[in-house]
Amino acid sequence: MTNTETLYANIRAHIESHYPLLYLVTFEEQQADQLITQLAAEDKHKIYEWNMARGVVDFQHKQPLADYRDLASTLENWLNDELTQHFLVIKDAHLAMRDNPLVITRLKALAHKLLHDDDTNATVLLISSQACIPPELEKFITLFELPLPDEANIRAIINRFVDRLDDTIDSKALADLTLAFRGLSEHEITQLLYRGYQQDGHVGSEDIDLVLKEKEQIIKKSGILDMVSSVEQLNDVGGLTQLKTWLKQKANVLHNLNEALAFGVEAPKGVMIVGMPGCGKSLTAKATASLFKLPLLRLDVGSLMGKYVGESESNMRRALQLAEAVSPCVLWVDELEKAFVGIGSGGAGSEVATRLFGYFLTWMQDKTGAVFVLATANDISALPPELLRKGRFDEIFYVDFPTCAEREGIFTIHLQKRNKNSVAIDVKKLAEKTDGFSGADIEAVVKEAIEVAFVDNRTALSTERLLDVISNTFPLKEVMKHKVKEYEDKFKDLKIKAAS
C-alpha cells in the first residue's frame, strides 16, 4: 500500500467514525481536491467549499455561488443548515483562523453540532499549507499530512510526462531523475520536467542541475533552514586528528556510495561533536560539508517554535522534509542541547519540546534520504539519553581544549590565513604560553596582534607582539572556570571518544 493509499484509508476510517474536524496539511490543493472527490464518491457526499479568495464556491469549478462572505459568516450559515452527508471544505484554514476568535468559536460550535446532533452527518475538512491549531480546537481536530511522492510515484510521474510528449528516457536517466526529485511535490516535479524539456526537447540526466537549483530556491523561500556557504577546508581545523580521520573515512564512503552499499556498507547517518565552546565544533561542521562536497544546511530548532498547537511540529516536519528534498546534504544542528531543553520537566514548553524531540528521533532512525546529520553541543548532559544511544549517530566525539602541539598548528593556520610568515614567528613559544586557550582564543590573539601592528606604523608582526597580546588576554577557560570544570567532569564520566 502506497503512502497516499494509507492516508486515504486513514481519513476514510476517521470519517466513518464521525470525527468532526479533519485537518490536511499540504501545498497541493489539486491533489487534496482529488482525494476529497474520491472520498465523497463512495458515500455520495455533497461538498461545500469556502476559500479566502472567493468565499463559498462550486467545488468542481471554483466559481462563487453567492456574494462574498467571510468564514465567520459562512460558519454561521452552516450552523443553521441541515447537514446530511456533507463535506464542508475550508481552504486557507491557517489564514482564516489566525487571530480570529469568532471563526474559532464558531468552528468549535460546529464541531459540537457534528458530534451531538443526531440529525447531522457531516465532516469539516480544513486544507492548509501549514498547521495552525488554536488550543480551543485541539481536542476536535485530527491532523493529517499529504505525503510527498515516493520513488514509485516519481517514476510514474516521469513516465507519464515522457509518454505524453512522445519522448523516451533510458533506465539510468530515469533512476537519476527519480533520486533527484525525491522530496519535491508532484507540481514541482512536473514544472521542472517542463523546464528541462523546453531547454533541449528531451528529458534526461542533464536536467538534474535544474533540480538542484530549484531545491536551493526552496530552501531560501522556506525561511526554516539556512543554506550556509562553506569555504572552510579540513586543513583549516587545527588538531582533532581522530575526528578528521573518521570524517575522511565517511567521505570515502559517500563519494563511492553505490559501490559501498553493494559491498554491504551502510550509508553514513551522522556524527555528534560535543565539548568546550570555541574549540572548533562549528568550524568542523563547515569543513565537513566541503570535504563531502555537499551543500550545508543549518537548522535552528528555536526558530521552529510556533504560536499555535501543532505549528512547531509542522515546522519541524517541513524542515526535515526540506533536508531530504535537498539530499544528499549535510544537516547541521547547532547547540543541540538548547533545542530540546526542558524535556521531562513539565509545562507547555516541555510538551512541545518533547514532541519535537520524539519526531526528530524517529526521523533520525527512519530517514531514507542521504542526509548526514552533524549535531554540535556544549553540554551533552542536558540531552536526553535516547539521543545518545547507538543507531542515532554513527559516532560521538568530544572536543577538548587544544594540546600544546595542537595550539602550534592552530597558530600556524591563522597566521598563514592572514598572509603572515609563520616561519619567522616562534609558534612553539606561543603555544607554550597559551595553555588553556581555545581555538577561538588563539584566533582572537592573532587578529588583535595584527591590528595593533597595523596601527603601530604598520610594523611587521613579531613573536614579542603576539606574546604581549597573550599576556593581556583572559581565555574562556579562565573566564568561565567553574562552568568549564563542570563540563570537564561530565565528559570524563560519559567516556566519549576523544576527537584529538
Protein backbone atom coordinates (compact mmCIF):
# COMPACT_ATOMS: atom_id res chain seq x y z
CA MET A 1 0.00 0.00 0.00
CA THR A 2 1.44 3.41 -1.01
CA ASN A 3 1.65 6.38 1.35
CA THR A 4 -1.31 8.02 -0.42
CA GLU A 5 -3.42 4.86 -0.16
CA THR A 6 -2.59 4.62 3.54
CA LEU A 7 -3.61 8.25 4.05
CA TYR A 8 -6.88 7.68 2.16
CA ALA A 9 -7.74 4.64 4.28
CA ASN A 10 -6.89 6.54 7.48
CA ILE A 11 -9.07 9.55 6.58
CA ARG A 12 -11.89 7.24 5.48
CA ALA A 13 -11.79 5.49 8.87
CA HIS A 14 -11.97 8.83 10.71
CA ILE A 15 -14.94 9.99 8.60
CA GLU A 16 -16.81 6.76 9.28
CA SER A 17 -16.06 7.19 12.99
CA HIS A 18 -17.65 10.69 12.90
CA TYR A 19 -14.55 12.71 13.72
CA PRO A 20 -15.78 16.32 13.26
CA LEU A 21 -12.70 18.28 12.07
CA LEU A 22 -10.00 16.76 9.85
CA TYR A 23 -7.00 18.97 9.08
CA LEU A 24 -4.97 18.16 5.93
CA VAL A 25 -1.61 19.91 5.62
CA THR A 26 -0.48 20.25 2.00
CA PHE A 27 0.68 22.74 -0.60
CA GLU A 28 -1.03 20.64 -3.28
CA GLU A 29 -4.66 21.79 -3.28
CA GLN A 30 -5.37 19.97 -6.54
CA GLN A 31 -4.27 16.66 -5.02
CA ALA A 32 -6.32 17.43 -1.91
CA ASP A 33 -9.36 18.04 -4.14
CA GLN A 34 -8.81 14.70 -5.89
CA LEU A 35 -8.64 12.95 -2.52
CA ILE A 36 -11.85 14.65 -1.31
CA THR A 37 -13.64 13.83 -4.57
CA GLN A 38 -12.68 10.18 -4.17
CA LEU A 39 -13.84 10.16 -0.54
CA ALA A 40 -17.15 11.84 -1.41
CA ALA A 41 -17.90 9.50 -4.33
CA GLU A 42 -18.11 6.39 -2.12
CA ASP A 43 -20.95 7.71 0.06
CA LYS A 44 -22.30 10.35 -2.34
CA HIS A 45 -21.41 13.21 -0.04
CA LYS A 46 -22.29 16.74 -1.11
CA ILE A 47 -19.31 19.11 -0.97
CA TYR A 48 -19.42 22.77 0.13
CA GLU A 49 -16.19 24.74 -0.24
CA TRP A 50 -15.14 28.06 1.27
CA ASN A 51 -11.83 29.68 0.39
CA MET A 52 -10.42 33.04 1.40
CA ALA A 53 -10.11 34.29 -2.17
CA ARG A 54 -13.75 33.87 -3.33
CA GLY A 55 -15.87 32.76 -0.40
CA VAL A 56 -18.31 29.87 -0.98
CA VAL A 57 -17.57 28.30 -4.39
CA ASP A 58 -18.60 25.34 -6.53
CA PHE A 59 -16.14 22.62 -5.54
CA GLN A 60 -15.54 21.38 -9.09
CA HIS A 61 -15.26 24.67 -10.98
CA LYS A 62 -14.32 27.11 -8.18
CA GLN A 63 -16.92 29.65 -9.27
CA PRO A 64 -18.57 31.74 -6.49
CA LEU A 65 -22.08 30.57 -5.56
CA ALA A 66 -23.03 33.79 -3.75
CA ASP A 67 -21.71 37.21 -2.79
CA TYR A 68 -18.50 37.03 -0.83
CA ARG A 69 -18.87 36.10 2.84
CA ASP A 70 -16.05 35.75 5.30
CA LEU A 71 -15.55 32.43 7.07
CA ALA A 72 -17.26 33.52 10.29
CA SER A 73 -20.47 34.34 8.36
CA THR A 74 -20.24 31.13 6.35
CA LEU A 75 -19.86 29.08 9.54
CA GLU A 76 -22.95 30.79 10.97
CA ASN A 77 -24.91 29.65 7.88
CA TRP A 78 -23.58 26.10 8.22
CA LEU A 79 -24.55 26.07 11.89
CA ASN A 80 -28.13 26.85 10.85
CA ASP A 81 -28.24 24.46 7.87
CA GLU A 82 -29.44 20.88 7.87
CA LEU A 83 -26.29 18.96 7.13
CA THR A 84 -26.69 15.39 5.90
CA GLN A 85 -23.92 13.59 4.02
CA HIS A 86 -21.87 16.78 3.63
CA PHE A 87 -18.19 17.57 3.38
CA LEU A 88 -17.52 21.17 4.47
CA VAL A 89 -14.17 22.10 2.92
CA ILE A 90 -12.30 25.14 4.25
CA LYS A 91 -9.27 26.24 2.24
CA ASP A 92 -6.59 28.61 3.57
CA ALA A 93 -7.58 27.45 7.06
CA HIS A 94 -4.50 28.81 8.84
CA LEU A 95 -5.11 32.31 7.47
CA ALA A 96 -8.81 32.24 8.28
CA MET A 97 -8.31 31.13 11.90
CA ARG A 98 -5.27 33.19 12.81
CA ASP A 99 -6.17 35.88 15.36
CA ASN A 100 -9.87 35.47 14.57
CA PRO A 101 -11.70 34.39 17.74
CA LEU A 102 -15.12 34.45 16.05
CA VAL A 103 -14.03 31.86 13.48
CA ILE A 104 -12.51 29.69 16.20
CA THR A 105 -15.57 29.79 18.45
CA ARG A 106 -17.96 29.06 15.55
CA LEU A 107 -15.79 26.15 14.41
CA LYS A 108 -15.97 24.82 17.97
CA ALA A 109 -19.78 25.24 17.95
CA LEU A 110 -19.96 23.43 14.60
CA ALA A 111 -17.80 20.60 15.98
CA HIS A 112 -20.21 20.22 18.90
CA LYS A 113 -23.14 20.13 16.49
CA LEU A 114 -21.49 17.43 14.37
CA LEU A 115 -20.75 15.35 17.46
CA HIS A 116 -24.00 15.66 19.37
CA ASP A 117 -26.82 16.38 16.88
CA ASP A 118 -28.22 13.03 15.73
CA ASP A 119 -29.80 14.64 12.67
CA THR A 120 -26.45 16.00 11.45
CA ASN A 121 -23.98 13.94 9.42
CA ALA A 122 -21.05 15.95 8.08
CA THR A 123 -17.27 16.32 8.26
CA VAL A 124 -15.28 19.55 8.16
CA LEU A 125 -12.09 19.25 6.08
CA LEU A 126 -9.57 22.01 6.77
CA ILE A 127 -6.98 22.37 3.97
CA SER A 128 -3.88 24.46 4.55
CA SER A 129 -0.19 24.70 3.68
CA GLN A 130 0.72 24.74 7.37
CA ALA A 131 -0.77 23.51 10.62
CA CYS A 132 -2.48 26.14 12.75
CA ILE A 133 -4.50 24.60 15.57
CA PRO A 134 -5.80 27.02 18.23
CA PRO A 135 -5.90 25.45 21.72
CA GLU A 136 -9.71 25.75 21.78
CA LEU A 137 -9.94 23.33 18.82
CA GLU A 138 -7.14 20.94 19.73
CA LYS A 139 -9.49 18.22 21.08
CA PHE A 140 -11.70 18.31 17.98
CA ILE A 141 -9.05 18.31 15.21
CA THR A 142 -7.21 15.32 13.76
CA LEU A 143 -4.11 16.29 11.79
CA PHE A 144 -3.05 14.63 8.52
CA GLU A 145 -0.30 15.42 6.06
CA LEU A 146 -0.48 14.74 2.34
CA PRO A 147 2.69 12.73 1.63
CA LEU A 148 5.19 13.72 -1.00
CA PRO A 149 5.55 11.30 -3.91
CA ASP A 150 7.62 8.22 -3.14
CA GLU A 151 10.06 6.72 -5.66
CA ALA A 152 7.38 4.61 -7.37
CA ASN A 153 5.12 7.66 -7.77
CA ILE A 154 8.01 9.80 -9.05
CA ARG A 155 8.85 7.21 -11.71
CA ALA A 156 5.18 7.13 -12.71
CA ILE A 157 5.07 10.96 -12.98
CA ILE A 158 8.19 10.99 -15.18
CA ASN A 159 6.93 8.16 -17.39
CA ARG A 160 3.51 9.81 -17.84
CA PHE A 161 5.20 13.07 -18.81
CA VAL A 162 7.53 11.35 -21.30
CA ASP A 163 4.66 9.33 -22.84
CA ARG A 164 2.53 12.45 -23.20
CA LEU A 165 5.28 14.14 -25.23
CA ASP A 166 6.12 11.02 -27.27
CA ASP A 167 9.65 11.16 -25.84
CA THR A 168 11.81 8.35 -24.45
CA ILE A 169 14.01 8.06 -21.38
CA ASP A 170 16.65 5.42 -20.65
CA SER A 171 16.74 3.49 -17.38
CA LYS A 172 19.81 5.30 -15.99
CA ALA A 173 18.32 8.75 -16.60
CA LEU A 174 15.05 7.59 -15.06
CA ALA A 175 16.89 6.36 -11.94
CA ASP A 176 18.97 9.58 -11.70
CA LEU A 177 15.94 11.85 -12.02
CA THR A 178 13.89 9.75 -9.60
CA LEU A 179 16.60 10.18 -6.96
CA ALA A 180 16.99 13.91 -7.71
CA PHE A 181 13.23 14.56 -7.47
CA ARG A 182 12.90 13.00 -4.02
CA GLY A 183 11.38 15.45 -1.55
CA LEU A 184 9.56 17.50 -4.21
CA SER A 185 5.81 17.69 -4.76
CA GLU A 186 4.09 16.45 -7.91
CA HIS A 187 3.55 20.05 -9.06
CA GLU A 188 7.24 20.91 -8.59
CA ILE A 189 8.35 17.76 -10.42
CA THR A 190 6.04 18.45 -13.35
CA GLN A 191 7.20 22.08 -13.63
CA LEU A 192 10.85 21.02 -13.67
CA LEU A 193 10.17 18.36 -16.32
CA TYR A 194 8.59 21.06 -18.50
CA ARG A 195 11.58 23.36 -17.99
CA GLY A 196 14.04 20.61 -18.85
CA TYR A 197 12.08 19.65 -21.95
CA GLN A 198 11.87 23.27 -23.12
CA GLN A 199 15.66 23.64 -22.91
CA ASP A 200 16.63 20.84 -25.28
CA GLY A 201 13.45 18.99 -26.28
CA HIS A 202 14.40 15.97 -24.17
CA VAL A 203 14.07 14.66 -20.62
CA GLY A 204 17.26 13.15 -19.21
CA SER A 205 20.05 13.24 -16.63
CA GLU A 206 21.18 16.64 -17.90
CA ASP A 207 18.12 18.14 -16.17
CA ILE A 208 19.47 17.36 -12.69
CA ASP A 209 21.20 20.77 -12.48
CA LEU A 210 17.77 22.38 -12.80
CA VAL A 211 16.51 20.25 -9.94
CA LEU A 212 19.41 21.27 -7.68
CA LYS A 213 18.84 24.97 -8.40
CA GLU A 214 15.14 24.55 -7.66
CA LYS A 215 15.93 22.87 -4.35
CA GLU A 216 18.20 25.77 -3.41
CA GLN A 217 15.29 28.12 -4.13
CA ILE A 218 13.01 26.00 -1.95
CA ILE A 219 15.43 26.34 0.97
CA LYS A 220 15.68 30.11 0.54
CA LYS A 221 11.91 30.55 0.32
CA SER A 222 11.14 28.33 3.31
CA GLY A 223 12.78 30.53 5.93
CA ILE A 224 13.09 27.39 8.10
CA LEU A 225 16.58 26.26 7.07
CA ASP A 226 19.68 28.28 6.19
CA MET A 227 21.92 27.23 3.34
CA VAL A 228 25.42 28.01 4.61
CA SER A 229 28.14 28.76 2.09
CA SER A 230 31.19 26.79 3.15
CA VAL A 231 34.73 27.62 2.02
CA GLU A 232 36.47 26.13 5.06
CA GLN A 233 38.57 23.03 4.46
CA LEU A 234 39.52 20.29 6.89
CA ASN A 235 43.12 21.63 6.84
CA ASP A 236 41.75 24.86 8.34
CA VAL A 237 40.88 22.95 11.50
CA GLY A 238 43.77 22.59 13.96
CA GLY A 239 44.20 19.31 15.83
CA LEU A 240 41.23 16.90 16.13
CA THR A 241 43.20 14.20 14.29
CA GLN A 242 40.92 11.28 15.23
CA LEU A 243 37.80 13.16 14.18
CA LYS A 244 39.42 14.22 10.89
CA THR A 245 40.46 10.62 10.12
CA TRP A 246 36.92 9.42 10.84
CA LEU A 247 35.39 12.11 8.60
CA LYS A 248 37.77 11.24 5.74
CA GLN A 249 36.66 7.62 6.01
CA LYS A 250 32.99 8.67 5.77
CA ALA A 251 33.83 10.93 2.82
CA ASN A 252 35.34 7.94 1.02
CA VAL A 253 32.08 6.02 1.54
CA LEU A 254 29.89 8.91 0.40
CA HIS A 255 31.96 9.54 -2.72
CA ASN A 256 31.54 5.88 -3.70
CA LEU A 257 28.14 5.29 -2.16
CA ASN A 258 26.68 2.88 -4.73
CA GLU A 259 29.75 0.65 -4.58
CA ALA A 260 29.81 0.87 -0.78
CA LEU A 261 26.15 -0.13 -0.49
CA ALA A 262 26.68 -3.04 -2.86
CA PHE A 263 29.65 -4.12 -0.72
CA GLY A 264 27.44 -4.11 2.37
CA VAL A 265 28.49 -0.79 3.90
CA GLU A 266 25.66 1.24 5.43
CA ALA A 267 25.16 4.85 4.38
CA PRO A 268 26.61 7.26 6.99
CA LYS A 269 23.94 8.69 9.31
CA GLY A 270 25.78 11.43 11.12
CA VAL A 271 28.03 12.50 13.97
CA MET A 272 27.63 14.45 17.18
CA ILE A 273 30.51 16.71 18.23
CA VAL A 274 30.40 17.83 21.85
CA GLY A 275 32.79 19.77 24.01
CA MET A 276 34.17 23.10 25.01
CA PRO A 277 32.99 26.35 23.40
CA GLY A 278 35.36 27.87 20.86
CA CYS A 279 37.25 24.65 20.17
CA GLY A 280 36.27 24.12 16.54
CA LYS A 281 32.88 22.38 16.51
CA SER A 282 31.20 24.87 14.15
CA LEU A 283 34.32 25.17 12.00
CA THR A 284 34.39 21.38 11.67
CA ALA A 285 30.74 21.37 10.55
CA LYS A 286 31.56 23.76 7.71
CA ALA A 287 34.74 21.89 6.77
CA THR A 288 32.82 18.59 6.72
CA ALA A 289 30.45 19.90 4.04
CA SER A 290 33.46 20.92 1.92
CA LEU A 291 35.11 17.54 2.47
CA PHE A 292 31.95 15.67 1.49
CA LYS A 293 31.32 18.12 -1.42
CA LEU A 294 27.72 18.52 -0.26
CA PRO A 295 25.50 21.54 0.49
CA LEU A 296 25.40 22.57 4.16
CA LEU A 297 22.01 23.29 5.72
CA ARG A 298 21.76 24.81 9.20
CA LEU A 299 18.74 24.03 11.37
CA ASP A 300 17.91 26.42 14.20
CA VAL A 301 15.33 24.50 16.23
CA GLY A 302 14.44 27.63 18.21
CA SER A 303 13.15 29.27 15.02
CA LEU A 304 10.68 26.42 14.53
CA MET A 305 8.65 27.33 17.61
CA GLY A 306 5.17 28.47 16.65
CA LYS A 307 2.30 30.19 18.40
CA TYR A 308 -0.41 27.60 17.79
CA VAL A 309 -0.79 23.96 18.80
CA GLY A 310 0.86 21.78 16.19
CA GLU A 311 2.65 24.66 14.44
CA SER A 312 6.09 23.85 15.90
CA GLU A 313 5.75 20.18 14.97
CA SER A 314 4.62 21.13 11.47
CA ASN A 315 7.66 23.40 11.10
CA MET A 316 9.93 20.55 12.24
CA ARG A 317 8.37 18.17 9.72
CA ARG A 318 8.74 20.75 6.97
CA ALA A 319 12.40 21.42 7.86
CA LEU A 320 13.31 17.73 7.79
CA GLN A 321 11.34 17.22 4.56
CA LEU A 322 13.31 20.08 3.02
CA ALA A 323 16.58 18.50 4.15
CA GLU A 324 15.55 15.24 2.48
CA ALA A 325 14.48 17.19 -0.60
CA VAL A 326 17.96 18.68 -0.95
CA SER A 327 19.71 15.40 -0.14
CA PRO A 328 22.44 14.39 -0.41
CA CYS A 329 23.42 17.12 2.05
CA VAL A 330 24.87 17.84 5.49
CA LEU A 331 22.29 18.99 8.05
CA TRP A 332 24.00 20.98 10.80
CA VAL A 333 22.01 21.18 14.06
CA ASP A 334 23.90 23.69 16.18
CA GLU A 335 23.69 23.80 20.01
CA LEU A 336 21.50 20.73 20.08
CA GLU A 337 21.12 20.81 23.87
CA LYS A 338 19.23 24.13 23.65
CA ALA A 339 16.83 22.70 21.08
CA PHE A 340 15.35 20.12 23.45
CA VAL A 341 15.83 21.87 26.78
CA GLY A 342 13.18 21.20 29.40
CA ILE A 343 12.18 17.72 28.25
CA GLY A 344 10.53 15.90 31.13
CA SER A 345 10.34 18.97 33.36
CA GLY A 346 6.61 19.58 32.84
CA GLY A 347 4.84 22.62 31.42
CA ALA A 348 3.64 23.61 27.96
CA GLY A 349 7.15 24.38 26.68
CA SER A 350 8.32 20.97 27.80
CA GLU A 351 5.42 19.26 25.99
CA VAL A 352 6.28 20.98 22.70
CA ALA A 353 10.00 20.19 23.14
CA THR A 354 9.15 16.56 23.91
CA ARG A 355 7.03 16.22 20.76
CA LEU A 356 9.74 17.85 18.62
CA PHE A 357 12.34 15.58 20.19
CA GLY A 358 10.22 12.49 19.52
CA TYR A 359 9.73 13.42 15.88
CA PHE A 360 13.44 14.18 15.46
CA LEU A 361 14.41 10.81 16.99
CA THR A 362 12.01 8.92 14.73
CA TRP A 363 13.30 10.74 11.68
CA MET A 364 16.95 10.07 12.64
CA GLN A 365 16.15 6.37 12.93
CA ASP A 366 14.00 6.00 9.82
CA LYS A 367 15.21 8.66 7.36
CA THR A 368 15.66 7.38 3.85
CA GLY A 369 17.26 10.43 2.25
CA ALA A 370 21.05 10.82 2.14
CA VAL A 371 21.13 13.44 4.91
CA PHE A 372 24.29 13.40 7.03
CA VAL A 373 23.34 14.95 10.38
CA LEU A 374 26.11 16.85 12.13
CA ALA A 375 24.99 17.94 15.60
CA THR A 376 27.09 20.13 17.87
CA ALA A 377 26.56 20.65 21.60
CA ASN A 378 28.37 22.13 24.58
CA ASP A 379 26.55 20.43 27.45
CA ILE A 380 25.75 16.85 26.47
CA SER A 381 24.43 16.08 29.97
CA ALA A 382 21.40 18.26 29.16
CA LEU A 383 20.45 15.92 26.31
CA PRO A 384 18.03 13.01 26.77
CA PRO A 385 19.85 9.64 26.84
CA GLU A 386 17.69 8.33 23.96
CA LEU A 387 19.59 10.63 21.60
CA LEU A 388 22.96 9.21 22.57
CA ARG A 389 22.35 5.51 22.02
CA LYS A 390 23.89 3.70 19.07
CA GLY A 391 21.85 3.93 15.90
CA ARG A 392 21.05 7.63 16.12
CA PHE A 393 24.56 8.84 15.23
CA ASP A 394 27.43 6.81 13.82
CA GLU A 395 29.76 8.26 16.47
CA ILE A 396 30.01 10.90 19.21
CA PHE A 397 33.28 12.84 19.61
CA TYR A 398 34.47 15.01 22.49
CA VAL A 399 36.43 18.16 21.63
CA ASP A 400 38.65 19.40 24.47
CA PHE A 401 40.89 22.46 24.72
CA PRO A 402 43.82 22.01 22.30
CA THR A 403 47.09 20.47 23.44
CA CYS A 404 50.40 22.34 23.09
CA ALA A 405 51.14 20.65 19.74
CA GLU A 406 47.63 21.44 18.51
CA ARG A 407 48.00 25.07 19.57
CA GLU A 408 51.14 25.29 17.43
CA GLY A 409 49.16 24.09 14.45
CA ILE A 410 46.30 26.50 15.16
CA PHE A 411 48.68 29.48 15.39
CA THR A 412 50.27 28.43 12.07
CA ILE A 413 46.85 28.12 10.38
CA HIS A 414 45.69 31.57 11.49
CA LEU A 415 48.98 33.27 10.62
CA GLN A 416 49.08 31.72 7.14
CA LYS A 417 45.41 32.52 6.61
CA ARG A 418 46.31 36.21 7.06
CA ASN A 419 49.41 36.00 4.85
CA LYS A 420 51.84 36.26 7.77
CA ASN A 421 55.16 34.42 7.71
CA SER A 422 54.74 31.79 10.41
CA VAL A 423 58.38 30.68 9.93
CA ALA A 424 59.63 34.00 11.33
CA ILE A 425 57.44 33.60 14.40
CA ASP A 426 58.16 31.19 17.24
CA VAL A 427 54.82 29.36 17.28
CA LYS A 428 56.21 26.80 19.73
CA LYS A 429 56.84 29.53 22.30
CA LEU A 430 53.37 30.98 21.63
CA ALA A 431 51.81 27.55 22.16
CA GLU A 432 53.65 27.09 25.47
CA LYS A 433 52.32 30.44 26.72
CA THR A 434 48.68 29.73 25.80
CA ASP A 435 47.83 26.74 27.98
CA GLY A 436 44.04 26.63 28.38
CA PHE A 437 43.38 28.80 25.30
CA SER A 438 40.69 27.60 22.89
CA GLY A 439 41.00 27.81 19.11
CA ALA A 440 38.76 30.89 19.17
CA ASP A 441 41.00 32.50 21.83
CA ILE A 442 44.07 31.90 19.66
CA GLU A 443 42.35 33.36 16.59
CA ALA A 444 41.41 36.45 18.62
CA VAL A 445 45.06 36.84 19.73
CA VAL A 446 46.35 36.70 16.15
CA LYS A 447 43.73 39.15 14.87
CA GLU A 448 44.40 41.66 17.65
CA ALA A 449 48.20 41.44 17.26
CA ILE A 450 47.92 42.09 13.51
CA GLU A 451 45.61 45.05 14.15
CA VAL A 452 48.00 46.54 16.74
CA ALA A 453 50.93 46.07 14.32
CA PHE A 454 48.97 47.90 11.61
CA VAL A 455 48.10 50.84 13.88
CA ASP A 456 51.71 50.98 15.12
CA ASN A 457 53.08 52.32 11.84
CA ARG A 458 52.37 49.05 10.02
CA THR A 459 55.29 47.26 11.63
CA ALA A 460 55.94 43.59 10.99
CA LEU A 461 54.19 41.06 13.17
CA SER A 462 56.57 39.56 15.71
CA THR A 463 56.62 36.86 18.36
CA GLU A 464 57.03 39.52 21.05
CA ARG A 465 53.96 41.43 19.91
CA LEU A 466 51.90 38.24 19.96
CA LEU A 467 53.22 37.38 23.43
CA ASP A 468 52.24 40.85 24.62
CA VAL A 469 48.67 40.33 23.42
CA ILE A 470 48.61 36.88 25.02
CA SER A 471 49.64 38.32 28.40
CA ASN A 472 46.64 40.68 28.27
CA THR A 473 44.14 38.02 27.16
CA PHE A 474 41.94 36.09 29.55
CA PRO A 475 40.95 32.80 27.87
CA LEU A 476 37.50 31.26 28.16
CA LYS A 477 38.86 28.51 30.42
CA GLU A 478 39.77 31.18 32.95
CA VAL A 479 36.76 33.47 32.47
CA MET A 480 34.28 30.60 32.90
CA LYS A 481 36.45 28.28 35.00
CA HIS A 482 33.61 26.94 37.15
CA LYS A 483 31.43 26.10 34.13
CA VAL A 484 34.37 24.64 32.22
CA LYS A 485 35.30 22.46 35.24
CA GLU A 486 31.67 21.27 35.38
CA TYR A 487 31.78 20.35 31.66
CA GLU A 488 35.13 18.56 32.05
CA ASP A 489 33.84 16.42 34.92
CA LYS A 490 30.68 15.46 33.00
CA PHE A 491 32.61 14.50 29.85
CA LYS A 492 35.00 12.30 31.87
CA ASP A 493 32.04 10.42 33.35
CA LEU A 494 30.41 9.88 29.94
CA LYS A 495 33.54 8.28 28.41
CA ILE A 496 33.07 9.71 24.90
CA LYS A 497 35.66 9.16 22.15
CA ALA A 498 38.21 11.99 22.04
CA ALA A 499 38.41 14.00 18.82
CA SER A 500 42.18 14.51 19.22
